[in-house]
Amino acid sequence: MASRISGIGGIFFRSKNQEALADWYEKHFGINSMKTGYIWDQEAGPTVFSPFAQNTDYFGNDQQQFMLNFRVNNLDELLALLREEGVKIDEKTQNEGYGKFAWVYDPEGNKIELWEPLDPEG
């Protein structure tokens, strides 16, 4: 059976300061904010859709109901830029058979996962 959907069309979440948080995501990740038209064209690539156990500590905060995971092309380079920009970065990183991971936090304390997929070309 063919897939009934072709991808994720949007991610919507609550915010204490909608405009400021949208501007932060635009500044640090290049995701268009409300001011620049909402639509964010992204590169094709794999997407993981995975419910987690309600009592997971993976998100780092019991109140956080979701976690964004952004695919990145060069994790080390991006982390260096984010450090320069003053973004809160978790000191822990992880290398797995399918890529490298790091975590950062937005101004409202939401944990964000950054994933550099393993290059299948080697």
PDB file of N, CA and C in Angstrom:
ATOM      1  N   MET A   1       0.841  -1.180   0.000  1.00  0.00           N
ATOM      2  CA  MET A   1       0.000   0.000   0.000  1.00  0.00           C
ATOM      3  C   MET A   1       0.886   1.243   0.000  1.00  0.00           C
ATOM      4  N   ALA A   2       0.573   2.192  -0.818  1.00  0.00           N
ATOM      5  CA  ALA A   2       1.319   3.451  -0.869  1.00  0.00           C
ATOM      6  C   ALA A   2       1.084   4.229   0.422  1.00  0.00           C
ATOM      7  N   SER A   3       2.068   5.007   0.802  1.00  0.00           N
ATOM      8  CA  SER A   3       1.940   5.824   2.004  1.00  0.00           C
ATOM      9  C   SER A   3       0.762   6.784   1.866  1.00  0.00           C
ATOM     10  N   ARG A   4       0.040   6.975   2.915  1.00  0.00           N
ATOM     11  CA  ARG A   4      -1.109   7.879   2.890  1.00  0.00           C
ATOM     12  C   ARG A   4      -0.699   9.332   3.056  1.00  0.00           C
ATOM     13  N   ILE A   5       0.511   9.553   3.526  1.00  0.00           N
ATOM     14  CA  ILE A   5       1.010  10.921   3.662  1.00  0.00           C
ATOM     15  C   ILE A   5       2.367  11.023   2.977  1.00  0.00           C
ATOM     16  N   SER A   6       2.779  12.233   2.641  1.00  0.00           N
ATOM     17  CA  SER A   6       4.060  12.403   1.945  1.00  0.00           C
ATOM     18  C   SER A   6       5.116  13.075   2.814  1.00  0.00           C
ATOM     19  N   GLY A   7       4.778  13.414   4.033  1.00  0.00           N
ATOM     20  CA  GLY A   7       5.750  14.035   4.929  1.00  0.00           C
ATOM     21  C   GLY A   7       5.057  14.873   5.984  1.00  0.00           C
ATOM     22  N   ILE A   8       5.842  15.495   6.820  1.00  0.00           N
ATOM     23  CA  ILE A   8       5.308  16.372   7.854  1.00  0.00           C
ATOM     24  C   ILE A   8       5.082  17.743   7.246  1.00  0.00           C
ATOM     25  N   GLY A   9       3.886  18.257   7.369  1.00  0.00           N
ATOM     26  CA  GLY A   9       3.533  19.538   6.772  1.00  0.00           C
ATOM     27  C   GLY A   9       3.678  20.719   7.706  1.00  0.00           C
ATOM     28  N   GLY A  10       3.863  20.467   8.978  1.00  0.00           N
ATOM     29  CA  GLY A  10       4.038  21.562   9.924  1.00  0.00           C
ATOM     30  C   GLY A  10       4.232  21.042  11.327  1.00  0.00           C
ATOM     31  N   ILE A  11       4.804  21.879  12.158  1.00  0.00           N
ATOM     32  CA  ILE A  11       4.960  21.577  13.572  1.00  0.00           C
ATOM     33  C   ILE A  11       4.411  22.783  14.319  1.00  0.00           C
ATOM     34  N   PHE A  12       3.464  22.558  15.192  1.00  0.00           N
ATOM     35  CA  PHE A  12       2.783  23.633  15.894  1.00  0.00           C
ATOM     36  C   PHE A  12       2.889  23.386  17.388  1.00  0.00           C
ATOM     37  N   PHE A  13       3.267  24.409  18.143  1.00  0.00           N
ATOM     38  CA  PHE A  13       3.398  24.252  19.583  1.00  0.00           C
ATOM     39  C   PHE A  13       3.121  25.573  20.280  1.00  0.00           C
ATOM     40  N   ARG A  14       2.786  25.483  21.554  1.00  0.00           N
ATOM     41  CA  ARG A  14       2.459  26.668  22.348  1.00  0.00           C
ATOM     42  C   ARG A  14       3.735  27.409  22.740  1.00  0.00           C
ATOM     43  N   SER A  15       3.596  28.718  22.931  1.00  0.00           N
ATOM     44  CA  SER A  15       4.739  29.541  23.313  1.00  0.00           C
ATOM     45  C   SER A  15       4.290  30.667  24.230  1.00  0.00           C
ATOM     46  N   LYS A  16       5.148  31.018  25.176  1.00  0.00           N
ATOM     47  CA  LYS A  16       4.861  32.151  26.062  1.00  0.00           C
ATOM     48  C   LYS A  16       4.966  33.465  25.302  1.00  0.00           C
ATOM     49  N   ASN A  17       5.903  33.539  24.350  1.00  0.00           N
ATOM     50  CA  ASN A  17       6.109  34.746  23.549  1.00  0.00           C
ATOM     51  C   ASN A  17       6.311  34.305  22.106  1.00  0.00           C
ATOM     52  N   GLN A  18       5.220  34.159  21.399  1.00  0.00           N
ATOM     53  CA  GLN A  18       5.195  33.589  20.048  1.00  0.00           C
ATOM     54  C   GLN A  18       6.163  34.296  19.099  1.00  0.00           C
ATOM     55  N   GLU A  19       6.122  35.609  19.036  1.00  0.00           N
ATOM     56  CA  GLU A  19       6.954  36.350  18.087  1.00  0.00           C
ATOM     57  C   GLU A  19       8.443  36.230  18.425  1.00  0.00           C
ATOM     58  N   ALA A  20       8.792  36.379  19.697  1.00  0.00           N
ATOM     59  CA  ALA A  20      10.201  36.295  20.097  1.00  0.00           C
ATOM     60  C   ALA A  20      10.762  34.900  19.839  1.00  0.00           C
ATOM     61  N   LEU A  21       9.976  33.867  20.124  1.00  0.00           N
ATOM     62  CA  LEU A  21      10.461  32.504  19.913  1.00  0.00           C
ATOM     63  C   LEU A  21      10.606  32.205  18.421  1.00  0.00           C
ATOM     64  N   ALA A  22       9.657  32.655  17.608  1.00  0.00           N
ATOM     65  CA  ALA A  22       9.771  32.477  16.153  1.00  0.00           C
ATOM     66  C   ALA A  22      11.017  33.178  15.626  1.00  0.00           C
ATOM     67  N   ASP A  23      11.294  34.384  16.126  1.00  0.00           N
ATOM     68  CA  ASP A  23      12.500  35.110  15.709  1.00  0.00           C
ATOM     69  C   ASP A  23      13.766  34.359  16.109  1.00  0.00           C
ATOM     70  N   TRP A  24      13.772  33.732  17.292  1.00  0.00           N
ATOM     71  CA  TRP A  24      14.934  32.967  17.763  1.00  0.00           C
ATOM     72  C   TRP A  24      15.204  31.782  16.824  1.00  0.00           C
ATOM     73  N   TYR A  25      14.160  31.052  16.462  1.00  0.00           N
ATOM     74  CA  TYR A  25      14.334  29.911  15.557  1.00  0.00           C
ATOM     75  C   TYR A  25      14.813  30.378  14.179  1.00  0.00           C
ATOM     76  N   GLU A  26      14.350  31.531  13.736  1.00  0.00           N
ATOM     77  CA  GLU A  26      14.814  32.054  12.450  1.00  0.00           C
ATOM     78  C   GLU A  26      16.286  32.450  12.532  1.00  0.00           C
ATOM     79  N   LYS A  27      16.681  33.124  13.598  1.00  0.00           N
ATOM     80  CA  LYS A  27      18.071  33.575  13.746  1.00  0.00           C
ATOM     81  C   LYS A  27      19.043  32.406  13.823  1.00  0.00           C
ATOM     82  N   HIS A  28      18.731  31.414  14.636  1.00  0.00           N
ATOM     83  CA  HIS A  28      19.688  30.352  14.911  1.00  0.00           C
ATOM     84  C   HIS A  28      19.594  29.149  13.976  1.00  0.00           C
ATOM     85  N   PHE A  29      18.449  28.929  13.338  1.00  0.00           N
ATOM     86  CA  PHE A  29      18.280  27.760  12.480  1.00  0.00           C
ATOM     87  C   PHE A  29      17.792  28.083  11.078  1.00  0.00           C
ATOM     88  N   GLY A  30      17.482  29.347  10.802  1.00  0.00           N
ATOM     89  CA  GLY A  30      17.049  29.724   9.463  1.00  0.00           C
ATOM     90  C   GLY A  30      15.627  29.320   9.125  1.00  0.00           C
ATOM     91  N   ILE A  31      14.823  29.038  10.136  1.00  0.00           N
ATOM     92  CA  ILE A  31      13.428  28.666   9.913  1.00  0.00           C
ATOM     93  C   ILE A  31      12.618  29.949   9.828  1.00  0.00           C
ATOM     94  N   ASN A  32      11.915  30.140   8.735  1.00  0.00           N
ATOM     95  CA  ASN A  32      11.161  31.377   8.527  1.00  0.00           C
ATOM     96  C   ASN A  32      10.191  31.635   9.669  1.00  0.00           C
ATOM     97  N   SER A  33      10.169  32.874  10.119  1.00  0.00           N
ATOM     98  CA  SER A  33       9.258  33.265  11.192  1.00  0.00           C
ATOM     99  C   SER A  33       7.969  33.818  10.598  1.00  0.00           C
ATOM    100  N   MET A  34       7.109  34.273  11.467  1.00  0.00           N
ATOM    101  CA  MET A  34       5.834  34.859  11.046  1.00  0.00           C
ATOM    102  C   MET A  34       6.067  36.057  10.137  1.00  0.00           C
ATOM    103  N   LYS A  35       7.140  36.811  10.390  1.00  0.00           N
ATOM    104  CA  LYS A  35       7.423  38.021   9.614  1.00  0.00           C
ATOM    105  C   LYS A  35       7.840  37.708   8.181  1.00  0.00           C
ATOM    106  N   THR A  36       8.438  36.541   7.976  1.00  0.00           N
ATOM    107  CA  THR A  36       8.986  36.228   6.653  1.00  0.00           C
ATOM    108  C   THR A  36       8.189  35.173   5.906  1.00  0.00           C
ATOM    109  N   GLY A  37       7.003  34.853   6.380  1.00  0.00           N
ATOM    110  CA  GLY A  37       6.114  34.040   5.569  1.00  0.00           C
ATOM    111  C   GLY A  37       5.858  32.618   5.994  1.00  0.00           C
ATOM    112  N   TYR A  38       6.302  32.196   7.164  1.00  0.00           N
ATOM    113  CA  TYR A  38       5.996  30.879   7.717  1.00  0.00           C
ATOM    114  C   TYR A  38       6.617  29.695   6.984  1.00  0.00           C
ATOM    115  N   ILE A  39       6.529  29.633   5.667  1.00  0.00           N
ATOM    116  CA  ILE A  39       6.950  28.434   4.935  1.00  0.00           C
ATOM    117  C   ILE A  39       8.460  28.268   5.018  1.00  0.00           C
ATOM    118  N   TRP A  40       8.888  27.061   5.356  1.00  0.00           N
ATOM    119  CA  TRP A  40      10.300  26.725   5.474  1.00  0.00           C
ATOM    120  C   TRP A  40      10.566  25.569   4.514  1.00  0.00           C
ATOM    121  N   ASP A  41      11.236  25.849   3.412  1.00  0.00           N
ATOM    122  CA  ASP A  41      11.606  24.793   2.473  1.00  0.00           C
ATOM    123  C   ASP A  41      12.856  24.118   3.004  1.00  0.00           C
ATOM    124  N   GLN A  42      12.803  22.808   3.103  1.00  0.00           N
ATOM    125  CA  GLN A  42      13.905  22.055   3.689  1.00  0.00           C
ATOM    126  C   GLN A  42      14.425  21.008   2.724  1.00  0.00           C
ATOM    127  N   GLU A  43      15.616  20.531   3.005  1.00  0.00           N
ATOM    128  CA  GLU A  43      16.211  19.483   2.182  1.00  0.00           C
ATOM    129  C   GLU A  43      15.477  18.167   2.416  1.00  0.00           C
ATOM    130  N   ALA A  44      15.438  17.333   1.389  1.00  0.00           N
ATOM    131  CA  ALA A  44      14.855  15.998   1.535  1.00  0.00           C
ATOM    132  C   ALA A  44      15.750  15.171   2.445  1.00  0.00           C
ATOM    133  N   GLY A  45      15.162  14.280   3.179  1.00  0.00           N
ATOM    134  CA  GLY A  45      15.938  13.413   4.052  1.00  0.00           C
ATOM    135  C   GLY A  45      15.022  12.628   4.963  1.00  0.00           C
ATOM    136  N   PRO A  46      15.609  11.753   5.761  1.00  0.00           N
ATOM    137  CA  PRO A  46      14.803  10.904   6.633  1.00  0.00           C
ATOM    138  C   PRO A  46      14.175  11.687   7.777  1.00  0.00           C
ATOM    139  N   THR A  47      13.012  11.235   8.203  1.00  0.00           N
ATOM    140  CA  THR A  47      12.317  11.807   9.352  1.00  0.00           C
ATOM    141  C   THR A  47      11.902  10.662  10.265  1.00  0.00           C
ATOM    142  N   VAL A  48      12.141  10.821  11.552  1.00  0.00           N
ATOM    143  CA  VAL A  48      11.732   9.821  12.536  1.00  0.00           C
ATOM    144  C   VAL A  48      10.452  10.301  13.201  1.00  0.00           C
ATOM    145  N   PHE A  49       9.462   9.436  13.263  1.00  0.00           N
ATOM    146  CA  PHE A  49       8.216   9.710  13.982  1.00  0.00           C
ATOM    147  C   PHE A  49       8.128   8.666  15.077  1.00  0.00           C
ATOM    148  N   SER A  50       8.237   9.081  16.338  1.00  0.00           N
ATOM    149  CA  SER A  50       8.308   8.093  17.407  1.00  0.00           C
ATOM    150  C   SER A  50       7.676   8.592  18.699  1.00  0.00           C
ATOM    151  N   PRO A  51       6.562   7.998  19.115  1.00  0.00           N
ATOM    152  CA  PRO A  51       6.051   8.299  20.446  1.00  0.00           C
ATOM    153  C   PRO A  51       7.041   7.773  21.500  1.00  0.00           C
ATOM    154  N   PHE A  52       7.172   8.495  22.582  1.00  0.00           N
ATOM    155  CA  PHE A  52       8.020   8.076  23.699  1.00  0.00           C
ATOM    156  C   PHE A  52       7.122   7.737  24.882  1.00  0.00           C
ATOM    157  N   ALA A  53       7.642   6.961  25.815  1.00  0.00           N
ATOM    158  CA  ALA A  53       6.896   6.660  27.036  1.00  0.00           C
ATOM    159  C   ALA A  53       6.583   7.960  27.775  1.00  0.00           C
ATOM    160  N   GLN A  54       5.438   8.011  28.417  1.00  0.00           N
ATOM    161  CA  GLN A  54       5.017   9.225  29.115  1.00  0.00           C
ATOM    162  C   GLN A  54       6.021   9.639  30.182  1.00  0.00           C
ATOM    163  N   ASN A  55       6.702   8.684  30.797  1.00  0.00           N
ATOM    164  CA  ASN A  55       7.634   9.000  31.875  1.00  0.00           C
ATOM    165  C   ASN A  55       9.091   9.093  31.402  1.00  0.00           C
ATOM    166  N   THR A  56       9.320   9.297  30.095  1.00  0.00           N
ATOM    167  CA  THR A  56      10.686   9.382  29.583  1.00  0.00           C
ATOM    168  C   THR A  56      11.428  10.566  30.190  1.00  0.00           C
ATOM    169  N   ASP A  57      12.728  10.401  30.398  1.00  0.00           N
ATOM    170  CA  ASP A  57      13.551  11.533  30.822  1.00  0.00           C
ATOM    171  C   ASP A  57      14.386  12.055  29.649  1.00  0.00           C
ATOM    172  N   TYR A  58      14.146  11.526  28.463  1.00  0.00           N
ATOM    173  CA  TYR A  58      14.925  11.897  27.276  1.00  0.00           C
ATOM    174  C   TYR A  58      14.760  13.369  26.919  1.00  0.00           C
ATOM    175  N   PHE A  59      13.585  13.929  27.190  1.00  0.00           N
ATOM    176  CA  PHE A  59      13.335  15.332  26.861  1.00  0.00           C
ATOM    177  C   PHE A  59      13.959  16.263  27.895  1.00  0.00           C
ATOM    178  N   GLY A  60      14.338  15.734  29.054  1.00  0.00           N
ATOM    179  CA  GLY A  60      15.018  16.521  30.066  1.00  0.00           C
ATOM    180  C   GLY A  60      14.102  17.335  30.960  1.00  0.00           C
ATOM    181  N   ASN A  61      12.844  17.452  30.626  1.00  0.00           N
ATOM    182  CA  ASN A  61      11.921  18.292  31.377  1.00  0.00           C
ATOM    183  C   ASN A  61      10.563  17.598  31.375  1.00  0.00           C
ATOM    184  N   ASP A  62      10.049  17.308  32.547  1.00  0.00           N
ATOM    185  CA  ASP A  62       8.762  16.602  32.652  1.00  0.00           C
ATOM    186  C   ASP A  62       7.610  17.355  32.000  1.00  0.00           C
ATOM    187  N   GLN A  63       7.726  18.677  31.894  1.00  0.00           N
ATOM    188  CA  GLN A  63       6.653  19.491  31.329  1.00  0.00           C
ATOM    189  C   GLN A  63       6.697  19.556  29.802  1.00  0.00           C
ATOM    190  N   GLN A  64       7.830  19.208  29.205  1.00  0.00           N
ATOM    191  CA  GLN A  64       7.974  19.285  27.746  1.00  0.00           C
ATOM    192  C   GLN A  64       7.264  18.098  27.111  1.00  0.00           C
ATOM    193  N   GLN A  65       6.284  18.377  26.258  1.00  0.00           N
ATOM    194  CA  GLN A  65       5.450  17.331  25.669  1.00  0.00           C
ATOM    195  C   GLN A  65       5.948  16.842  24.314  1.00  0.00           C
ATOM    196  N   PHE A  66       6.928  17.520  23.728  1.00  0.00           N
ATOM    197  CA  PHE A  66       7.450  17.146  22.418  1.00  0.00           C
ATOM    198  C   PHE A  66       8.921  17.547  22.372  1.00  0.00           C
ATOM    199  N   MET A  67       9.645  17.030  21.405  1.00  0.00           N
ATOM    200  CA  MET A  67      11.011  17.486  21.183  1.00  0.00           C
ATOM    201  C   MET A  67      11.258  17.557  19.682  1.00  0.00           C
ATOM    202  N   LEU A  68      11.714  18.710  19.229  1.00  0.00           N
ATOM    203  CA  LEU A  68      12.100  18.861  17.827  1.00  0.00           C
ATOM    204  C   LEU A  68      13.443  18.188  17.612  1.00  0.00           C
ATOM    205  N   ASN A  69      13.602  17.555  16.465  1.00  0.00           N
ATOM    206  CA  ASN A  69      14.880  16.992  16.042  1.00  0.00           C
ATOM    207  C   ASN A  69      15.152  17.578  14.669  1.00  0.00           C
ATOM    208  N   PHE A  70      16.250  18.328  14.563  1.00  0.00           N
ATOM    209  CA  PHE A  70      16.621  18.923  13.282  1.00  0.00           C
ATOM    210  C   PHE A  70      17.789  18.159  12.682  1.00  0.00           C
ATOM    211  N   ARG A  71      17.656  17.759  11.410  1.00  0.00           N
ATOM    212  CA  ARG A  71      18.785  17.202  10.661  1.00  0.00           C
ATOM    213  C   ARG A  71      19.734  18.344  10.340  1.00  0.00           C
ATOM    214  N   VAL A  72      21.026  18.107  10.493  1.00  0.00           N
ATOM    215  CA  VAL A  72      22.023  19.128  10.178  1.00  0.00           C
ATOM    216  C   VAL A  72      23.099  18.507   9.302  1.00  0.00           C
ATOM    217  N   ASN A  73      23.770  19.343   8.518  1.00  0.00           N
ATOM    218  CA  ASN A  73      24.816  18.843   7.626  1.00  0.00           C
ATOM    219  C   ASN A  73      26.164  18.724   8.312  1.00  0.00           C
ATOM    220  N   ASN A  74      26.464  19.624   9.257  1.00  0.00           N
ATOM    221  CA  ASN A  74      27.750  19.606   9.951  1.00  0.00           C
ATOM    222  C   ASN A  74      27.506  20.004  11.403  1.00  0.00           C
ATOM    223  N   LEU A  75      27.381  19.012  12.262  1.00  0.00           N
ATOM    224  CA  LEU A  75      27.025  19.249  13.655  1.00  0.00           C
ATOM    225  C   LEU A  75      28.070  20.092  14.375  1.00  0.00           C
ATOM    226  N   ASP A  76      29.342  19.765  14.208  1.00  0.00           N
ATOM    227  CA  ASP A  76      30.397  20.494  14.913  1.00  0.00           C
ATOM    228  C   ASP A  76      30.421  21.967  14.516  1.00  0.00           C
ATOM    229  N   GLU A  77      30.268  22.234  13.240  1.00  0.00           N
ATOM    230  CA  GLU A  77      30.259  23.613  12.749  1.00  0.00           C
ATOM    231  C   GLU A  77      29.057  24.384  13.308  1.00  0.00           C
ATOM    232  N   LEU A  78      27.884  23.759  13.290  1.00  0.00           N
ATOM    233  CA  LEU A  78      26.689  24.419  13.810  1.00  0.00           C
ATOM    234  C   LEU A  78      26.822  24.691  15.303  1.00  0.00           C
ATOM    235  N   LEU A  79      27.334  23.728  16.068  1.00  0.00           N
ATOM    236  CA  LEU A  79      27.494  23.937  17.506  1.00  0.00           C
ATOM    237  C   LEU A  79      28.439  25.096  17.796  1.00  0.00           C
ATOM    238  N   ALA A  80      29.503  25.224  17.017  1.00  0.00           N
ATOM    239  CA  ALA A  80      30.436  26.344  17.201  1.00  0.00           C
ATOM    240  C   ALA A  80      29.720  27.675  16.967  1.00  0.00           C
ATOM    241  N   LEU A  81      28.911  27.749  15.913  1.00  0.00           N
ATOM    242  CA  LEU A  81      28.156  28.978  15.633  1.00  0.00           C
ATOM    243  C   LEU A  81      27.157  29.283  16.746  1.00  0.00           C
ATOM    244  N   LEU A  82      26.444  28.267  17.196  1.00  0.00           N
ATOM    245  CA  LEU A  82      25.447  28.474  18.245  1.00  0.00           C
ATOM    246  C   LEU A  82      26.104  28.915  19.553  1.00  0.00           C
ATOM    247  N   ARG A  83      27.292  28.378  19.855  1.00  0.00           N
ATOM    248  CA  ARG A  83      28.032  28.825  21.045  1.00  0.00           C
ATOM    249  C   ARG A  83      28.362  30.307  20.939  1.00  0.00           C
ATOM    250  N   GLU A  84      28.855  30.717  19.768  1.00  0.00           N
ATOM    251  CA  GLU A  84      29.178  32.131  19.539  1.00  0.00           C
ATOM    252  C   GLU A  84      27.948  33.013  19.719  1.00  0.00           C
ATOM    253  N   GLU A  85      26.784  32.487  19.366  1.00  0.00           N
ATOM    254  CA  GLU A  85      25.537  33.246  19.455  1.00  0.00           C
ATOM    255  C   GLU A  85      24.904  33.189  20.847  1.00  0.00           C
ATOM    256  N   GLY A  86      25.537  32.461  21.759  1.00  0.00           N
ATOM    257  CA  GLY A  86      25.051  32.411  23.133  1.00  0.00           C
ATOM    258  C   GLY A  86      23.925  31.436  23.394  1.00  0.00           C
ATOM    259  N   VAL A  87      23.701  30.483  22.489  1.00  0.00           N
ATOM    260  CA  VAL A  87      22.645  29.489  22.677  1.00  0.00           C
ATOM    261  C   VAL A  87      23.079  28.496  23.758  1.00  0.00           C
ATOM    262  N   LYS A  88      22.156  28.123  24.637  1.00  0.00           N
ATOM    263  CA  LYS A  88      22.436  27.123  25.668  1.00  0.00           C
ATOM    264  C   LYS A  88      22.588  25.759  24.999  1.00  0.00           C
ATOM    265  N   ILE A  89      23.738  25.124  25.234  1.00  0.00           N
ATOM    266  CA  ILE A  89      24.060  23.841  24.606  1.00  0.00           C
ATOM    267  C   ILE A  89      24.342  22.812  25.688  1.00  0.00           C
ATOM    268  N   ASP A  90      23.738  21.646  25.570  1.00  0.00           N
ATOM    269  CA  ASP A  90      24.015  20.532  26.472  1.00  0.00           C
ATOM    270  C   ASP A  90      25.438  20.054  26.195  1.00  0.00           C
ATOM    271  N   GLU A  91      26.208  19.805  27.233  1.00  0.00           N
ATOM    272  CA  GLU A  91      27.599  19.365  27.051  1.00  0.00           C
ATOM    273  C   GLU A  91      27.683  17.946  26.491  1.00  0.00           C
ATOM    274  N   LYS A  92      26.629  17.159  26.680  1.00  0.00           N
ATOM    275  CA  LYS A  92      26.620  15.770  26.214  1.00  0.00           C
ATOM    276  C   LYS A  92      26.426  15.721  24.699  1.00  0.00           C
ATOM    277  N   THR A  93      27.215  14.911  24.027  1.00  0.00           N
ATOM    278  CA  THR A  93      26.999  14.587  22.619  1.00  0.00           C
ATOM    279  C   THR A  93      26.981  13.067  22.508  1.00  0.00           C
ATOM    280  N   GLN A  94      26.531  12.574  21.374  1.00  0.00           N
ATOM    281  CA  GLN A  94      26.394  11.129  21.215  1.00  0.00           C
ATOM    282  C   GLN A  94      26.699  10.746  19.778  1.00  0.00           C
ATOM    283  N   ASN A  95      27.488   9.690  19.603  1.00  0.00           N
ATOM    284  CA  ASN A  95      27.753   9.119  18.282  1.00  0.00           C
ATOM    285  C   ASN A  95      27.106   7.747  18.231  1.00  0.00           C
ATOM    286  N   GLU A  96      26.266   7.554  17.241  1.00  0.00           N
ATOM    287  CA  GLU A  96      25.582   6.274  17.054  1.00  0.00           C
ATOM    288  C   GLU A  96      25.910   5.750  15.662  1.00  0.00           C
ATOM    289  N   GLY A  97      25.518   4.547  15.369  1.00  0.00           N
ATOM    290  CA  GLY A  97      25.755   3.965  14.062  1.00  0.00           C
ATOM    291  C   GLY A  97      25.010   4.672  12.945  1.00  0.00           C
ATOM    292  N   TYR A  98      24.070   5.525  13.279  1.00  0.00           N
ATOM    293  CA  TYR A  98      23.264   6.231  12.282  1.00  0.00           C
ATOM    294  C   TYR A  98      23.471   7.737  12.338  1.00  0.00           C
ATOM    295  N   GLY A  99      24.451   8.207  13.126  1.00  0.00           N
ATOM    296  CA  GLY A  99      24.751   9.632  13.122  1.00  0.00           C
ATOM    297  C   GLY A  99      25.221  10.168  14.454  1.00  0.00           C
ATOM    298  N   LYS A 100      25.478  11.483  14.454  1.00  0.00           N
ATOM    299  CA  LYS A 100      25.930  12.196  15.648  1.00  0.00           C
ATOM    300  C   LYS A 100      24.793  13.074  16.166  1.00  0.00           C
ATOM    301  N   PHE A 101      24.734  13.216  17.497  1.00  0.00           N
ATOM    302  CA  PHE A 101      23.663  13.970  18.136  1.00  0.00           C
ATOM    303  C   PHE A 101      24.215  14.983  19.132  1.00  0.00           C
ATOM    304  N   ALA A 102      23.505  16.089  19.262  1.00  0.00           N
ATOM    305  CA  ALA A 102      23.755  17.076  20.308  1.00  0.00           C
ATOM    306  C   ALA A 102      22.412  17.713  20.645  1.00  0.00           C
ATOM    307  N   TRP A 103      22.366  18.428  21.766  1.00  0.00           N
ATOM    308  CA  TRP A 103      21.117  19.026  22.219  1.00  0.00           C
ATOM    309  C   TRP A 103      21.341  20.474  22.615  1.00  0.00           C
ATOM    310  N   VAL A 104      20.388  21.313  22.261  1.00  0.00           N
ATOM    311  CA  VAL A 104      20.407  22.730  22.616  1.00  0.00           C
ATOM    312  C   VAL A 104      19.037  23.079  23.193  1.00  0.00           C
ATOM    313  N   TYR A 105      18.925  24.292  23.730  1.00  0.00           N
ATOM    314  CA  TYR A 105      17.673  24.721  24.354  1.00  0.00           C
ATOM    315  C   TYR A 105      17.250  26.065  23.787  1.00  0.00           C
ATOM    316  N   ASP A 106      15.960  26.205  23.491  1.00  0.00           N
ATOM    317  CA  ASP A 106      15.458  27.502  23.042  1.00  0.00           C
ATOM    318  C   ASP A 106      15.233  28.396  24.264  1.00  0.00           C
ATOM    319  N   PRO A 107      14.910  29.676  24.067  1.00  0.00           N
ATOM    320  CA  PRO A 107      14.765  30.589  25.204  1.00  0.00           C
ATOM    321  C   PRO A 107      13.663  30.218  26.196  1.00  0.00           C
ATOM    322  N   GLU A 108      12.725  29.368  25.785  1.00  0.00           N
ATOM    323  CA  GLU A 108      11.664  28.935  26.699  1.00  0.00           C
ATOM    324  C   GLU A 108      12.007  27.612  27.377  1.00  0.00           C
ATOM    325  N   GLY A 109      13.244  27.132  27.178  1.00  0.00           N
ATOM    326  CA  GLY A 109      13.708  25.925  27.847  1.00  0.00           C
ATOM    327  C   GLY A 109      13.386  24.631  27.139  1.00  0.00           C
ATOM    328  N   ASN A 110      12.845  24.684  25.925  1.00  0.00           N
ATOM    329  CA  ASN A 110      12.546  23.465  25.168  1.00  0.00           C
ATOM    330  C   ASN A 110      13.838  22.849  24.659  1.00  0.00           C
ATOM    331  N   LYS A 111      14.027  21.576  24.952  1.00  0.00           N
ATOM    332  CA  LYS A 111      15.198  20.844  24.482  1.00  0.00           C
ATOM    333  C   LYS A 111      15.005  20.498  23.011  1.00  0.00           C
ATOM    334  N   ILE A 112      16.039  20.754  22.200  1.00  0.00           N
ATOM    335  CA  ILE A 112      16.012  20.502  20.757  1.00  0.00           C
ATOM    336  C   ILE A 112      17.154  19.550  20.435  1.00  0.00           C
ATOM    337  N   GLU A 113      16.859  18.507  19.693  1.00  0.00           N
ATOM    338  CA  GLU A 113      17.885  17.549  19.302  1.00  0.00           C
ATOM    339  C   GLU A 113      18.409  17.902  17.917  1.00  0.00           C
ATOM    340  N   LEU A 114      19.731  17.909  17.771  1.00  0.00           N
ATOM    341  CA  LEU A 114      20.381  18.127  16.481  1.00  0.00           C
ATOM    342  C   LEU A 114      20.994  16.808  16.054  1.00  0.00           C
ATOM    343  N   TRP A 115      20.755  16.424  14.803  1.00  0.00           N
ATOM    344  CA  TRP A 115      21.188  15.115  14.303  1.00  0.00           C
ATOM    345  C   TRP A 115      21.912  15.285  12.984  1.00  0.00           C
ATOM    346  N   GLU A 116      23.163  14.861  12.954  1.00  0.00           N
ATOM    347  CA  GLU A 116      23.907  14.784  11.698  1.00  0.00           C
ATOM    348  C   GLU A 116      23.890  13.322  11.263  1.00  0.00           C
ATOM    349  N   PRO A 117      23.023  12.969  10.293  1.00  0.00           N
ATOM    350  CA  PRO A 117      22.946  11.570   9.864  1.00  0.00           C
ATOM    351  C   PRO A 117      24.292  11.077   9.340  1.00  0.00           C
ATOM    352  N   LEU A 118      24.531   9.808   9.536  1.00  0.00           N
ATOM    353  CA  LEU A 118      25.732   9.181   9.013  1.00  0.00           C
ATOM    354  C   LEU A 118      25.709   9.267   7.500  1.00  0.00           C
ATOM    355  N   ASP A 119      26.809   9.666   6.915  1.00  0.00           N
ATOM    356  CA  ASP A 119      26.908   9.772   5.460  1.00  0.00           C
ATOM    357  C   ASP A 119      26.934   8.367   4.865  1.00  0.00           C
ATOM    358  N   PRO A 120      25.899   7.981   4.106  1.00  0.00           N
ATOM    359  CA  PRO A 120      25.862   6.630   3.544  1.00  0.00           C
ATOM    360  C   PRO A 120      26.983   6.384   2.534  1.00  0.00           C
ATOM    361  N   GLU A 121      27.578   7.466   2.020  1.00  0.00           N
ATOM    362  CA  GLU A 121      28.680   7.339   1.061  1.00  0.00           C
ATOM    363  C   GLU A 121      29.988   7.002   1.769  1.00  0.00           C
ATOM    364  N   GLY A 122      30.005   7.138   3.101  1.00  0.00           N
ATOM    365  CA  GLY A 122      31.186   6.763   3.854  1.00  0.00           C
ATOM    366  C   GLY A 122      31.933   7.920   4.367  1.00  0.00           C
TER     367      GLY A 122
END
